């Protein structure tokens, strides 16, 4: 196997153009175990960690730009990012162990295309966008459009994700991510739920986004849950509707980690809890804004 370490996005794109069979990686926390498990070994591995643009975090013009290969430990230790997007940071902090956190990244978690990827529902509810590079330039697409199925993405040959863009949330907005796992840590989600809520000064929901992970071939939005929340004060009836909609949106499988019925039940429970957590953060933001 050949190992290449480009220093720029352009250099990496040229390498991929010249070697279509090459595989890029952002941290190798997925690709190495996959190779050891028997997947075909690529002729060439291209390490993206040496590209400064892919390992930086910037906040300018109301937008966060997170390098696709930035270790997630740098996100969990970024106080400003955690204050604005706590749910996204929480999700990033659940990817693997402390050791893995020094290598894993949002870009890698996204492009591995696991249905149970923790960061993906959290990115989706925050409207995250992926900047994709190739030999012909760059394009930007919603993160929700990247994974097309387990282990499959919409990236064309020679393309790779350079950055994740996330706009700063509006005032009185909160996000949250919750997951259910059999063990206390270092396990794969049986169900994961991301939620983002915006409230007005009366406590009425004016915007809502809910996304599920690990219950379908890709992460899925739950429009019926979102519709039930908008215009409500998140009363019991609205939260019950959220739980029902989340359970109905599932398309899970039976496996050793959980049955279809179990995953649907858990999805409803976690969706309700994630919405409440996000709404509490939105209310706290509203109160802090009033005090300022």
C-alpha atoms as a PDB file:
ATOM      1  CA  UNK A   1       0.000   0.000   0.000  1.00  0.00           C
ATOM      2  CA  UNK A   2       1.195   3.496  -0.859  1.00  0.00           C
ATOM      3  CA  UNK A   3       0.819   6.314   1.669  1.00  0.00           C
ATOM      4  CA  UNK A   4       0.536   9.933   0.556  1.00  0.00           C
ATOM      5  CA  UNK A   5       0.316  13.054   2.726  1.00  0.00           C
ATOM      6  CA  UNK A   6      -0.652  16.165   0.724  1.00  0.00           C
ATOM      7  CA  UNK A   7      -0.148  19.628   2.201  1.00  0.00           C
ATOM      8  CA  UNK A   8      -2.909  21.426   0.289  1.00  0.00           C
ATOM      9  CA  UNK A   9      -6.421  20.763  -0.966  1.00  0.00           C
ATOM     10  CA  UNK A  10      -5.219  21.176  -4.559  1.00  0.00           C
ATOM     11  CA  UNK A  11      -2.454  18.642  -4.038  1.00  0.00           C
ATOM     12  CA  UNK A  12      -4.892  16.113  -2.602  1.00  0.00           C
ATOM     13  CA  UNK A  13      -7.304  16.667  -5.494  1.00  0.00           C
ATOM     14  CA  UNK A  14      -4.515  16.101  -8.021  1.00  0.00           C
ATOM     15  CA  UNK A  15      -3.472  12.903  -6.274  1.00  0.00           C
ATOM     16  CA  UNK A  16      -7.032  11.592  -6.494  1.00  0.00           C
ATOM     17  CA  UNK A  17      -7.276  12.560 -10.149  1.00  0.00           C
ATOM     18  CA  UNK A  18      -4.097  10.653 -10.919  1.00  0.00           C
ATOM     19  CA  UNK A  19      -5.005   7.641  -8.758  1.00  0.00           C
ATOM     20  CA  UNK A  20      -8.775   6.983  -8.923  1.00  0.00           C
ATOM     21  CA  UNK A  21      -8.403   3.833  -6.789  1.00  0.00           C
ATOM     22  CA  UNK A  22      -6.892   5.797  -3.894  1.00  0.00           C
ATOM     23  CA  UNK A  23      -8.819   6.285  -0.645  1.00  0.00           C
ATOM     24  CA  UNK A  24      -8.657   9.402   1.504  1.00  0.00           C
ATOM     25  CA  UNK A  25      -8.926   9.405   5.271  1.00  0.00           C
ATOM     26  CA  UNK A  26      -9.292  12.105   7.903  1.00  0.00           C
ATOM     27  CA  UNK A  27      -8.262  10.170  11.014  1.00  0.00           C
ATOM     28  CA  UNK A  28      -8.156   6.480  10.025  1.00  0.00           C
ATOM     29  CA  UNK A  29     -10.307   5.501  13.020  1.00  0.00           C
ATOM     30  CA  UNK A  30     -12.698   3.768  10.597  1.00  0.00           C
ATOM     31  CA  UNK A  31     -10.519   2.757   7.661  1.00  0.00           C
ATOM     32  CA  UNK A  32      -7.915   0.850   9.700  1.00  0.00           C
ATOM     33  CA  UNK A  33     -10.455  -1.331  11.571  1.00  0.00           C
ATOM     34  CA  UNK A  34     -12.280  -1.923   8.279  1.00  0.00           C
ATOM     35  CA  UNK A  35      -9.117  -3.158   6.584  1.00  0.00           C
ATOM     36  CA  UNK A  36      -8.296  -5.355   9.574  1.00  0.00           C
ATOM     37  CA  UNK A  37     -11.822  -6.766   9.396  1.00  0.00           C
ATOM     38  CA  UNK A  38     -11.214  -7.958   5.847  1.00  0.00           C
ATOM     39  CA  UNK A  39     -12.344  -5.176   3.550  1.00  0.00           C
ATOM     40  CA  UNK A  40     -10.296  -4.777   0.362  1.00  0.00           C
ATOM     41  CA  UNK A  41      -7.073  -2.902   0.953  1.00  0.00           C
ATOM     42  CA  UNK A  42      -6.763   0.226  -1.229  1.00  0.00           C
ATOM     43  CA  UNK A  43      -3.688   0.606  -3.398  1.00  0.00           C
ATOM     44  CA  UNK A  44      -3.083   4.077  -1.988  1.00  0.00           C
ATOM     45  CA  UNK A  45      -4.143   5.878   1.183  1.00  0.00           C
ATOM     46  CA  UNK A  46      -4.175   9.685   1.172  1.00  0.00           C
ATOM     47  CA  UNK A  47      -3.881  11.274   4.627  1.00  0.00           C
ATOM     48  CA  UNK A  48      -5.763  14.583   4.839  1.00  0.00           C
ATOM     49  CA  UNK A  49      -4.582  15.460   8.352  1.00  0.00           C
ATOM     50  CA  UNK A  50      -1.611  17.438   7.056  1.00  0.00           C
ATOM     51  CA  UNK A  51      -3.752  20.012   5.243  1.00  0.00           C
ATOM     52  CA  UNK A  52      -4.133  23.108   7.421  1.00  0.00           C
ATOM     53  CA  UNK A  53      -7.510  24.038   5.915  1.00  0.00           C
ATOM     54  CA  UNK A  54      -8.908  20.649   6.917  1.00  0.00           C
ATOM     55  CA  UNK A  55      -7.758  20.890  10.538  1.00  0.00           C
ATOM     56  CA  UNK A  56      -8.813  24.421  11.466  1.00  0.00           C
ATOM     57  CA  UNK A  57     -11.887  25.955  13.113  1.00  0.00           C
ATOM     58  CA  UNK A  58     -12.939  29.500  12.235  1.00  0.00           C
ATOM     59  CA  UNK A  59     -15.894  31.726  13.087  1.00  0.00           C
ATOM     60  CA  UNK A  60     -16.486  34.708  10.817  1.00  0.00           C
ATOM     61  CA  UNK A  61     -19.479  36.463   9.294  1.00  0.00           C
ATOM     62  CA  UNK A  62     -21.915  34.463  11.408  1.00  0.00           C
ATOM     63  CA  UNK A  63     -20.682  31.097  10.114  1.00  0.00           C
ATOM     64  CA  UNK A  64     -18.573  28.382  11.704  1.00  0.00           C
ATOM     65  CA  UNK A  65     -16.155  26.693   9.298  1.00  0.00           C
ATOM     66  CA  UNK A  66     -14.875  23.408  10.684  1.00  0.00           C
ATOM     67  CA  UNK A  67     -12.145  21.557   8.820  1.00  0.00           C
ATOM     68  CA  UNK A  68     -13.341  18.096   7.840  1.00  0.00           C
ATOM     69  CA  UNK A  69     -10.318  16.452   9.481  1.00  0.00           C
ATOM     70  CA  UNK A  70     -10.298  18.546  12.669  1.00  0.00           C
ATOM     71  CA  UNK A  71     -10.016  16.213  15.695  1.00  0.00           C
ATOM     72  CA  UNK A  72     -13.255  16.320  17.644  1.00  0.00           C
ATOM     73  CA  UNK A  73     -11.358  17.024  20.865  1.00  0.00           C
ATOM     74  CA  UNK A  74     -10.698  20.494  19.439  1.00  0.00           C
ATOM     75  CA  UNK A  75     -14.451  21.003  19.113  1.00  0.00           C
ATOM     76  CA  UNK A  76     -15.322  19.833  22.616  1.00  0.00           C
ATOM     77  CA  UNK A  77     -12.634  22.133  24.033  1.00  0.00           C
ATOM     78  CA  UNK A  78     -13.841  25.168  22.036  1.00  0.00           C
ATOM     79  CA  UNK A  79     -15.876  27.165  24.556  1.00  0.00           C
ATOM     80  CA  UNK A  80     -17.344  29.563  21.993  1.00  0.00           C
ATOM     81  CA  UNK A  81     -18.515  26.760  19.707  1.00  0.00           C
ATOM     82  CA  UNK A  82     -19.962  24.819  22.645  1.00  0.00           C
ATOM     83  CA  UNK A  83     -21.871  27.903  23.801  1.00  0.00           C
ATOM     84  CA  UNK A  84     -23.470  28.459  20.387  1.00  0.00           C
ATOM     85  CA  UNK A  85     -23.989  24.841  19.285  1.00  0.00           C
ATOM     86  CA  UNK A  86     -23.944  22.672  22.418  1.00  0.00           C
ATOM     87  CA  UNK A  87     -25.873  19.806  20.841  1.00  0.00           C
ATOM     88  CA  UNK A  88     -23.464  19.528  17.931  1.00  0.00           C
ATOM     89  CA  UNK A  89     -20.486  19.603  20.280  1.00  0.00           C
ATOM     90  CA  UNK A  90     -22.089  16.967  22.516  1.00  0.00           C
ATOM     91  CA  UNK A  91     -22.601  14.705  19.513  1.00  0.00           C
ATOM     92  CA  UNK A  92     -19.013  15.196  18.368  1.00  0.00           C
ATOM     93  CA  UNK A  93     -17.840  14.297  21.869  1.00  0.00           C
ATOM     94  CA  UNK A  94     -19.587  10.923  21.719  1.00  0.00           C
ATOM     95  CA  UNK A  95     -17.549   9.561  18.811  1.00  0.00           C
ATOM     96  CA  UNK A  96     -15.328   6.892  20.359  1.00  0.00           C
ATOM     97  CA  UNK A  97     -12.999   7.015  23.348  1.00  0.00           C
ATOM     98  CA  UNK A  98     -10.741   9.805  24.577  1.00  0.00           C
ATOM     99  CA  UNK A  99      -7.946   8.373  22.421  1.00  0.00           C
ATOM    100  CA  UNK A 100     -10.164   8.254  19.334  1.00  0.00           C
ATOM    101  CA  UNK A 101     -11.230  11.860  19.957  1.00  0.00           C
ATOM    102  CA  UNK A 102      -7.698  12.953  19.117  1.00  0.00           C
ATOM    103  CA  UNK A 103      -8.063  11.492  15.609  1.00  0.00           C
ATOM    104  CA  UNK A 104     -11.743  11.286  14.636  1.00  0.00           C
ATOM    105  CA  UNK A 105     -13.510  14.148  12.882  1.00  0.00           C
ATOM    106  CA  UNK A 106     -16.874  15.389  11.654  1.00  0.00           C
ATOM    107  CA  UNK A 107     -15.816  14.801   8.066  1.00  0.00           C
ATOM    108  CA  UNK A 108     -14.776  11.230   8.762  1.00  0.00           C
ATOM    109  CA  UNK A 109     -17.914  10.496  10.768  1.00  0.00           C
ATOM    110  CA  UNK A 110     -20.013  11.863   7.910  1.00  0.00           C
ATOM    111  CA  UNK A 111     -18.239  10.124   5.024  1.00  0.00           C
ATOM    112  CA  UNK A 112     -18.029   6.757   6.766  1.00  0.00           C
ATOM    113  CA  UNK A 113     -21.800   6.867   6.214  1.00  0.00           C
ATOM    114  CA  UNK A 114     -22.795   4.767   9.198  1.00  0.00           C
ATOM    115  CA  UNK A 115     -26.549   5.044   9.897  1.00  0.00           C
ATOM    116  CA  UNK A 116     -25.597   5.342  13.582  1.00  0.00           C
ATOM    117  CA  UNK A 117     -23.086   8.205  13.170  1.00  0.00           C
ATOM    118  CA  UNK A 118     -23.596  10.459  16.192  1.00  0.00           C
ATOM    119  CA  UNK A 119     -22.626  13.782  14.650  1.00  0.00           C
ATOM    120  CA  UNK A 120     -24.833  13.544  11.554  1.00  0.00           C
ATOM    121  CA  UNK A 121     -28.303  14.134  13.121  1.00  0.00           C
ATOM    122  CA  UNK A 122     -26.801  17.023  15.114  1.00  0.00           C
ATOM    123  CA  UNK A 123     -25.320  18.529  11.952  1.00  0.00           C
ATOM    124  CA  UNK A 124     -28.557  18.079  10.011  1.00  0.00           C
ATOM    125  CA  UNK A 125     -30.753  19.889  12.538  1.00  0.00           C
ATOM    126  CA  UNK A 126     -28.307  22.796  12.473  1.00  0.00           C
ATOM    127  CA  UNK A 127     -28.433  23.050   8.679  1.00  0.00           C
ATOM    128  CA  UNK A 128     -24.779  22.095   8.229  1.00  0.00           C
ATOM    129  CA  UNK A 129     -23.250  22.183   4.754  1.00  0.00           C
ATOM    130  CA  UNK A 130     -20.342  20.176   3.363  1.00  0.00           C
ATOM    131  CA  UNK A 131     -17.765  21.865   1.118  1.00  0.00           C
ATOM    132  CA  UNK A 132     -16.595  19.239  -1.377  1.00  0.00           C
ATOM    133  CA  UNK A 133     -13.393  19.478  -3.414  1.00  0.00           C
ATOM    134  CA  UNK A 134     -12.219  17.762  -6.592  1.00  0.00           C
ATOM    135  CA  UNK A 135      -9.859  18.452  -9.455  1.00  0.00           C
ATOM    136  CA  UNK A 136     -12.479  20.712 -11.031  1.00  0.00           C
ATOM    137  CA  UNK A 137     -13.014  22.949  -7.966  1.00  0.00           C
ATOM    138  CA  UNK A 138     -15.415  22.939  -5.034  1.00  0.00           C
ATOM    139  CA  UNK A 139     -19.158  22.643  -4.476  1.00  0.00           C
ATOM    140  CA  UNK A 140     -21.299  22.964  -1.364  1.00  0.00           C
ATOM    141  CA  UNK A 141     -24.195  20.653  -0.461  1.00  0.00           C
ATOM    142  CA  UNK A 142     -26.292  20.018   2.648  1.00  0.00           C
ATOM    143  CA  UNK A 143     -24.772  17.462   4.999  1.00  0.00           C
ATOM    144  CA  UNK A 144     -28.086  15.605   4.785  1.00  0.00           C
ATOM    145  CA  UNK A 145     -27.340  14.834   1.115  1.00  0.00           C
ATOM    146  CA  UNK A 146     -23.975  13.129   1.668  1.00  0.00           C
ATOM    147  CA  UNK A 147     -24.887   9.662   2.964  1.00  0.00           C
ATOM    148  CA  UNK A 148     -27.076   7.639   0.599  1.00  0.00           C
ATOM    149  CA  UNK A 149     -27.040   4.352   2.499  1.00  0.00           C
ATOM    150  CA  UNK A 150     -24.873   2.297   4.874  1.00  0.00           C
ATOM    151  CA  UNK A 151     -21.282   2.923   3.808  1.00  0.00           C
ATOM    152  CA  UNK A 152     -22.362   4.782   0.654  1.00  0.00           C
ATOM    153  CA  UNK A 153     -22.159   8.489  -0.162  1.00  0.00           C
ATOM    154  CA  UNK A 154     -23.120  10.853  -2.962  1.00  0.00           C
ATOM    155  CA  UNK A 155     -19.475  11.879  -3.474  1.00  0.00           C
ATOM    156  CA  UNK A 156     -18.267  11.354  -7.025  1.00  0.00           C
ATOM    157  CA  UNK A 157     -14.941   9.759  -7.890  1.00  0.00           C
ATOM    158  CA  UNK A 158     -12.128  12.094  -6.963  1.00  0.00           C
ATOM    159  CA  UNK A 159     -14.197  14.157  -4.496  1.00  0.00           C
ATOM    160  CA  UNK A 160     -13.605  14.627  -0.775  1.00  0.00           C
ATOM    161  CA  UNK A 161     -15.071  16.824   1.971  1.00  0.00           C
ATOM    162  CA  UNK A 162     -12.941  19.822   2.881  1.00  0.00           C
ATOM    163  CA  UNK A 163     -15.031  21.682   5.466  1.00  0.00           C
ATOM    164  CA  UNK A 164     -18.292  21.674   7.371  1.00  0.00           C
ATOM    165  CA  UNK A 165     -20.108  25.028   7.466  1.00  0.00           C
ATOM    166  CA  UNK A 166     -22.660  25.788  10.174  1.00  0.00           C
ATOM    167  CA  UNK A 167     -24.357  29.158  10.574  1.00  0.00           C
ATOM    168  CA  UNK A 168     -24.564  30.635  14.051  1.00  0.00           C
ATOM    169  CA  UNK A 169     -28.090  30.019  15.360  1.00  0.00           C
ATOM    170  CA  UNK A 170     -30.584  32.881  15.708  1.00  0.00           C
ATOM    171  CA  UNK A 171     -31.447  34.303  19.108  1.00  0.00           C
ATOM    172  CA  UNK A 172     -33.530  32.181  21.500  1.00  0.00           C
ATOM    173  CA  UNK A 173     -32.396  28.950  19.848  1.00  0.00           C
ATOM    174  CA  UNK A 174     -31.109  25.768  21.426  1.00  0.00           C
ATOM    175  CA  UNK A 175     -29.996  22.387  20.100  1.00  0.00           C
ATOM    176  CA  UNK A 176     -29.467  18.998  21.720  1.00  0.00           C
ATOM    177  CA  UNK A 177     -28.378  15.484  20.830  1.00  0.00           C
ATOM    178  CA  UNK A 178     -29.281  12.336  22.763  1.00  0.00           C
ATOM    179  CA  UNK A 179     -28.570   8.701  22.052  1.00  0.00           C
ATOM    180  CA  UNK A 180     -29.341   5.334  23.588  1.00  0.00           C
ATOM    181  CA  UNK A 181     -26.562   2.757  23.876  1.00  0.00           C
ATOM    182  CA  UNK A 182     -26.400  -0.541  25.779  1.00  0.00           C
ATOM    183  CA  UNK A 183     -23.228   0.478  27.617  1.00  0.00           C
ATOM    184  CA  UNK A 184     -22.234   3.758  29.232  1.00  0.00           C
ATOM    185  CA  UNK A 185     -19.685   4.723  26.570  1.00  0.00           C
ATOM    186  CA  UNK A 186     -17.752   3.589  23.484  1.00  0.00           C
ATOM    187  CA  UNK A 187     -20.759   1.911  21.935  1.00  0.00           C
ATOM    188  CA  UNK A 188     -22.810   2.360  18.778  1.00  0.00           C
ATOM    189  CA  UNK A 189     -26.137   4.153  19.091  1.00  0.00           C
ATOM    190  CA  UNK A 190     -29.265   2.024  18.997  1.00  0.00           C
ATOM    191  CA  UNK A 191     -31.105   5.313  18.405  1.00  0.00           C
ATOM    192  CA  UNK A 192     -29.794   8.872  18.183  1.00  0.00           C
ATOM    193  CA  UNK A 193     -31.863  12.067  18.051  1.00  0.00           C
ATOM    194  CA  UNK A 194     -30.880  15.631  17.220  1.00  0.00           C
ATOM    195  CA  UNK A 195     -33.242  18.551  17.843  1.00  0.00           C
ATOM    196  CA  UNK A 196     -33.137  22.311  17.426  1.00  0.00           C
ATOM    197  CA  UNK A 197     -35.779  24.692  18.739  1.00  0.00           C
ATOM    198  CA  UNK A 198     -36.311  28.444  18.418  1.00  0.00           C
ATOM    199  CA  UNK A 199     -38.720  30.219  20.777  1.00  0.00           C
ATOM    200  CA  UNK A 200     -40.242  33.684  20.734  1.00  0.00           C
ATOM    201  CA  UNK A 201     -40.484  35.893  23.796  1.00  0.00           C
ATOM    202  CA  UNK A 202     -43.726  34.193  24.873  1.00  0.00           C
ATOM    203  CA  UNK A 203     -42.208  30.709  24.821  1.00  0.00           C
ATOM    204  CA  UNK A 204     -43.950  29.717  21.587  1.00  0.00           C
ATOM    205  CA  UNK A 205     -41.951  27.592  19.171  1.00  0.00           C
ATOM    206  CA  UNK A 206     -41.303  29.429  15.906  1.00  0.00           C
ATOM    207  CA  UNK A 207     -38.888  26.943  14.332  1.00  0.00           C
ATOM    208  CA  UNK A 208     -38.122  23.280  14.958  1.00  0.00           C
ATOM    209  CA  UNK A 209     -35.932  20.608  13.399  1.00  0.00           C
ATOM    210  CA  UNK A 210     -35.764  16.960  14.473  1.00  0.00           C
ATOM    211  CA  UNK A 211     -33.530  14.247  12.973  1.00  0.00           C
ATOM    212  CA  UNK A 212     -33.067  10.571  13.854  1.00  0.00           C
ATOM    213  CA  UNK A 213     -30.032   8.337  13.517  1.00  0.00           C
ATOM    214  CA  UNK A 214     -29.574   4.537  13.631  1.00  0.00           C
ATOM    215  CA  UNK A 215     -33.211   3.842  12.715  1.00  0.00           C
ATOM    216  CA  UNK A 216     -32.976   3.877   8.895  1.00  0.00           C
ATOM    217  CA  UNK A 217     -30.309   3.451   6.191  1.00  0.00           C
ATOM    218  CA  UNK A 218     -29.441   7.144   6.650  1.00  0.00           C
ATOM    219  CA  UNK A 219     -30.263   9.834   9.196  1.00  0.00           C
ATOM    220  CA  UNK A 220     -33.827  11.078   8.643  1.00  0.00           C
ATOM    221  CA  UNK A 221     -35.701  14.304   9.310  1.00  0.00           C
ATOM    222  CA  UNK A 222     -39.097  14.083  11.033  1.00  0.00           C
ATOM    223  CA  UNK A 223     -41.302  16.747   9.398  1.00  0.00           C
ATOM    224  CA  UNK A 224     -44.438  15.699  11.285  1.00  0.00           C
ATOM    225  CA  UNK A 225     -42.687  16.221  14.612  1.00  0.00           C
ATOM    226  CA  UNK A 226     -41.449  19.621  13.491  1.00  0.00           C
ATOM    227  CA  UNK A 227     -44.937  20.651  12.355  1.00  0.00           C
ATOM    228  CA  UNK A 228     -46.409  19.576  15.701  1.00  0.00           C
ATOM    229  CA  UNK A 229     -43.980  21.832  17.561  1.00  0.00           C
ATOM    230  CA  UNK A 230     -44.222  25.028  15.524  1.00  0.00           C
ATOM    231  CA  UNK A 231     -46.840  27.333  17.022  1.00  0.00           C
ATOM    232  CA  UNK A 232     -47.004  25.362  20.268  1.00  0.00           C
ATOM    233  CA  UNK A 233     -45.630  26.108  23.709  1.00  0.00           C
ATOM    234  CA  UNK A 234     -44.263  22.548  23.805  1.00  0.00           C
ATOM    235  CA  UNK A 235     -47.163  21.351  25.891  1.00  0.00           C
ATOM    236  CA  UNK A 236     -47.858  17.674  26.561  1.00  0.00           C
ATOM    237  CA  UNK A 237     -49.994  17.306  23.432  1.00  0.00           C
ATOM    238  CA  UNK A 238     -47.232  18.667  21.191  1.00  0.00           C
ATOM    239  CA  UNK A 239     -44.576  16.493  22.824  1.00  0.00           C
ATOM    240  CA  UNK A 240     -46.796  13.422  22.501  1.00  0.00           C
ATOM    241  CA  UNK A 241     -47.161  14.191  18.814  1.00  0.00           C
ATOM    242  CA  UNK A 242     -43.373  14.457  18.526  1.00  0.00           C
ATOM    243  CA  UNK A 243     -42.928  11.015  20.069  1.00  0.00           C
ATOM    244  CA  UNK A 244     -45.558   9.496  17.804  1.00  0.00           C
ATOM    245  CA  UNK A 245     -44.087  11.091  14.681  1.00  0.00           C
ATOM    246  CA  UNK A 246     -40.552  10.002  15.540  1.00  0.00           C
ATOM    247  CA  UNK A 247     -41.631   6.406  16.070  1.00  0.00           C
ATOM    248  CA  UNK A 248     -43.521   6.438  12.767  1.00  0.00           C
ATOM    249  CA  UNK A 249     -40.544   7.898  10.864  1.00  0.00           C
ATOM    250  CA  UNK A 250     -38.321   4.950  11.754  1.00  0.00           C
ATOM    251  CA  UNK A 251     -37.402   2.289   9.236  1.00  0.00           C
ATOM    252  CA  UNK A 252     -35.147   0.163  11.440  1.00  0.00           C
ATOM    253  CA  UNK A 253     -33.939  -3.429  11.283  1.00  0.00           C
ATOM    254  CA  UNK A 254     -33.940  -6.258  13.798  1.00  0.00           C
ATOM    255  CA  UNK A 255     -30.408  -7.065  14.956  1.00  0.00           C
ATOM    256  CA  UNK A 256     -28.513  -7.997  18.103  1.00  0.00           C
ATOM    257  CA  UNK A 257     -28.618  -4.366  19.238  1.00  0.00           C
ATOM    258  CA  UNK A 258     -32.404  -4.038  19.209  1.00  0.00           C
ATOM    259  CA  UNK A 259     -35.660  -5.050  17.581  1.00  0.00           C
ATOM    260  CA  UNK A 260     -37.728  -2.910  15.240  1.00  0.00           C
ATOM    261  CA  UNK A 261     -40.374  -2.359  17.931  1.00  0.00           C
ATOM    262  CA  UNK A 262     -37.756  -1.445  20.527  1.00  0.00           C
ATOM    263  CA  UNK A 263     -36.043   1.081  18.270  1.00  0.00           C
ATOM    264  CA  UNK A 264     -39.353   2.738  17.410  1.00  0.00           C
ATOM    265  CA  UNK A 265     -40.274   3.045  21.071  1.00  0.00           C
ATOM    266  CA  UNK A 266     -36.882   4.454  22.008  1.00  0.00           C
ATOM    267  CA  UNK A 267     -36.972   6.903  19.082  1.00  0.00           C
ATOM    268  CA  UNK A 268     -40.209   8.378  20.379  1.00  0.00           C
ATOM    269  CA  UNK A 269     -38.927   8.693  23.929  1.00  0.00           C
ATOM    270  CA  UNK A 270     -35.583  10.212  22.935  1.00  0.00           C
ATOM    271  CA  UNK A 271     -37.152  12.629  20.447  1.00  0.00           C
ATOM    272  CA  UNK A 272     -39.373  14.032  23.173  1.00  0.00           C
ATOM    273  CA  UNK A 273     -36.434  14.355  25.577  1.00  0.00           C
ATOM    274  CA  UNK A 274     -34.167  15.971  22.964  1.00  0.00           C
ATOM    275  CA  UNK A 275     -36.831  18.529  22.087  1.00  0.00           C
ATOM    276  CA  UNK A 276     -37.312  19.415  25.753  1.00  0.00           C
ATOM    277  CA  UNK A 277     -33.539  19.768  26.237  1.00  0.00           C
ATOM    278  CA  UNK A 278     -33.192  21.974  23.155  1.00  0.00           C
ATOM    279  CA  UNK A 279     -36.157  24.108  24.225  1.00  0.00           C
ATOM    280  CA  UNK A 280     -34.690  24.603  27.680  1.00  0.00           C
ATOM    281  CA  UNK A 281     -31.491  25.875  26.098  1.00  0.00           C
ATOM    282  CA  UNK A 282     -33.504  28.192  23.872  1.00  0.00           C
ATOM    283  CA  UNK A 283     -35.331  29.532  26.926  1.00  0.00           C
ATOM    284  CA  UNK A 284     -32.034  30.011  28.758  1.00  0.00           C
ATOM    285  CA  UNK A 285     -30.678  31.915  25.769  1.00  0.00           C
ATOM    286  CA  UNK A 286     -33.791  34.113  25.792  1.00  0.00           C
ATOM    287  CA  UNK A 287     -33.347  34.843  29.504  1.00  0.00           C
ATOM    288  CA  UNK A 288     -29.662  35.650  29.088  1.00  0.00           C
ATOM    289  CA  UNK A 289     -30.495  37.956  26.202  1.00  0.00           C
ATOM    290  CA  UNK A 290     -33.058  39.807  28.322  1.00  0.00           C
ATOM    291  CA  UNK A 291     -30.502  40.260  31.089  1.00  0.00           C
ATOM    292  CA  UNK A 292     -27.990  41.660  28.632  1.00  0.00           C
END
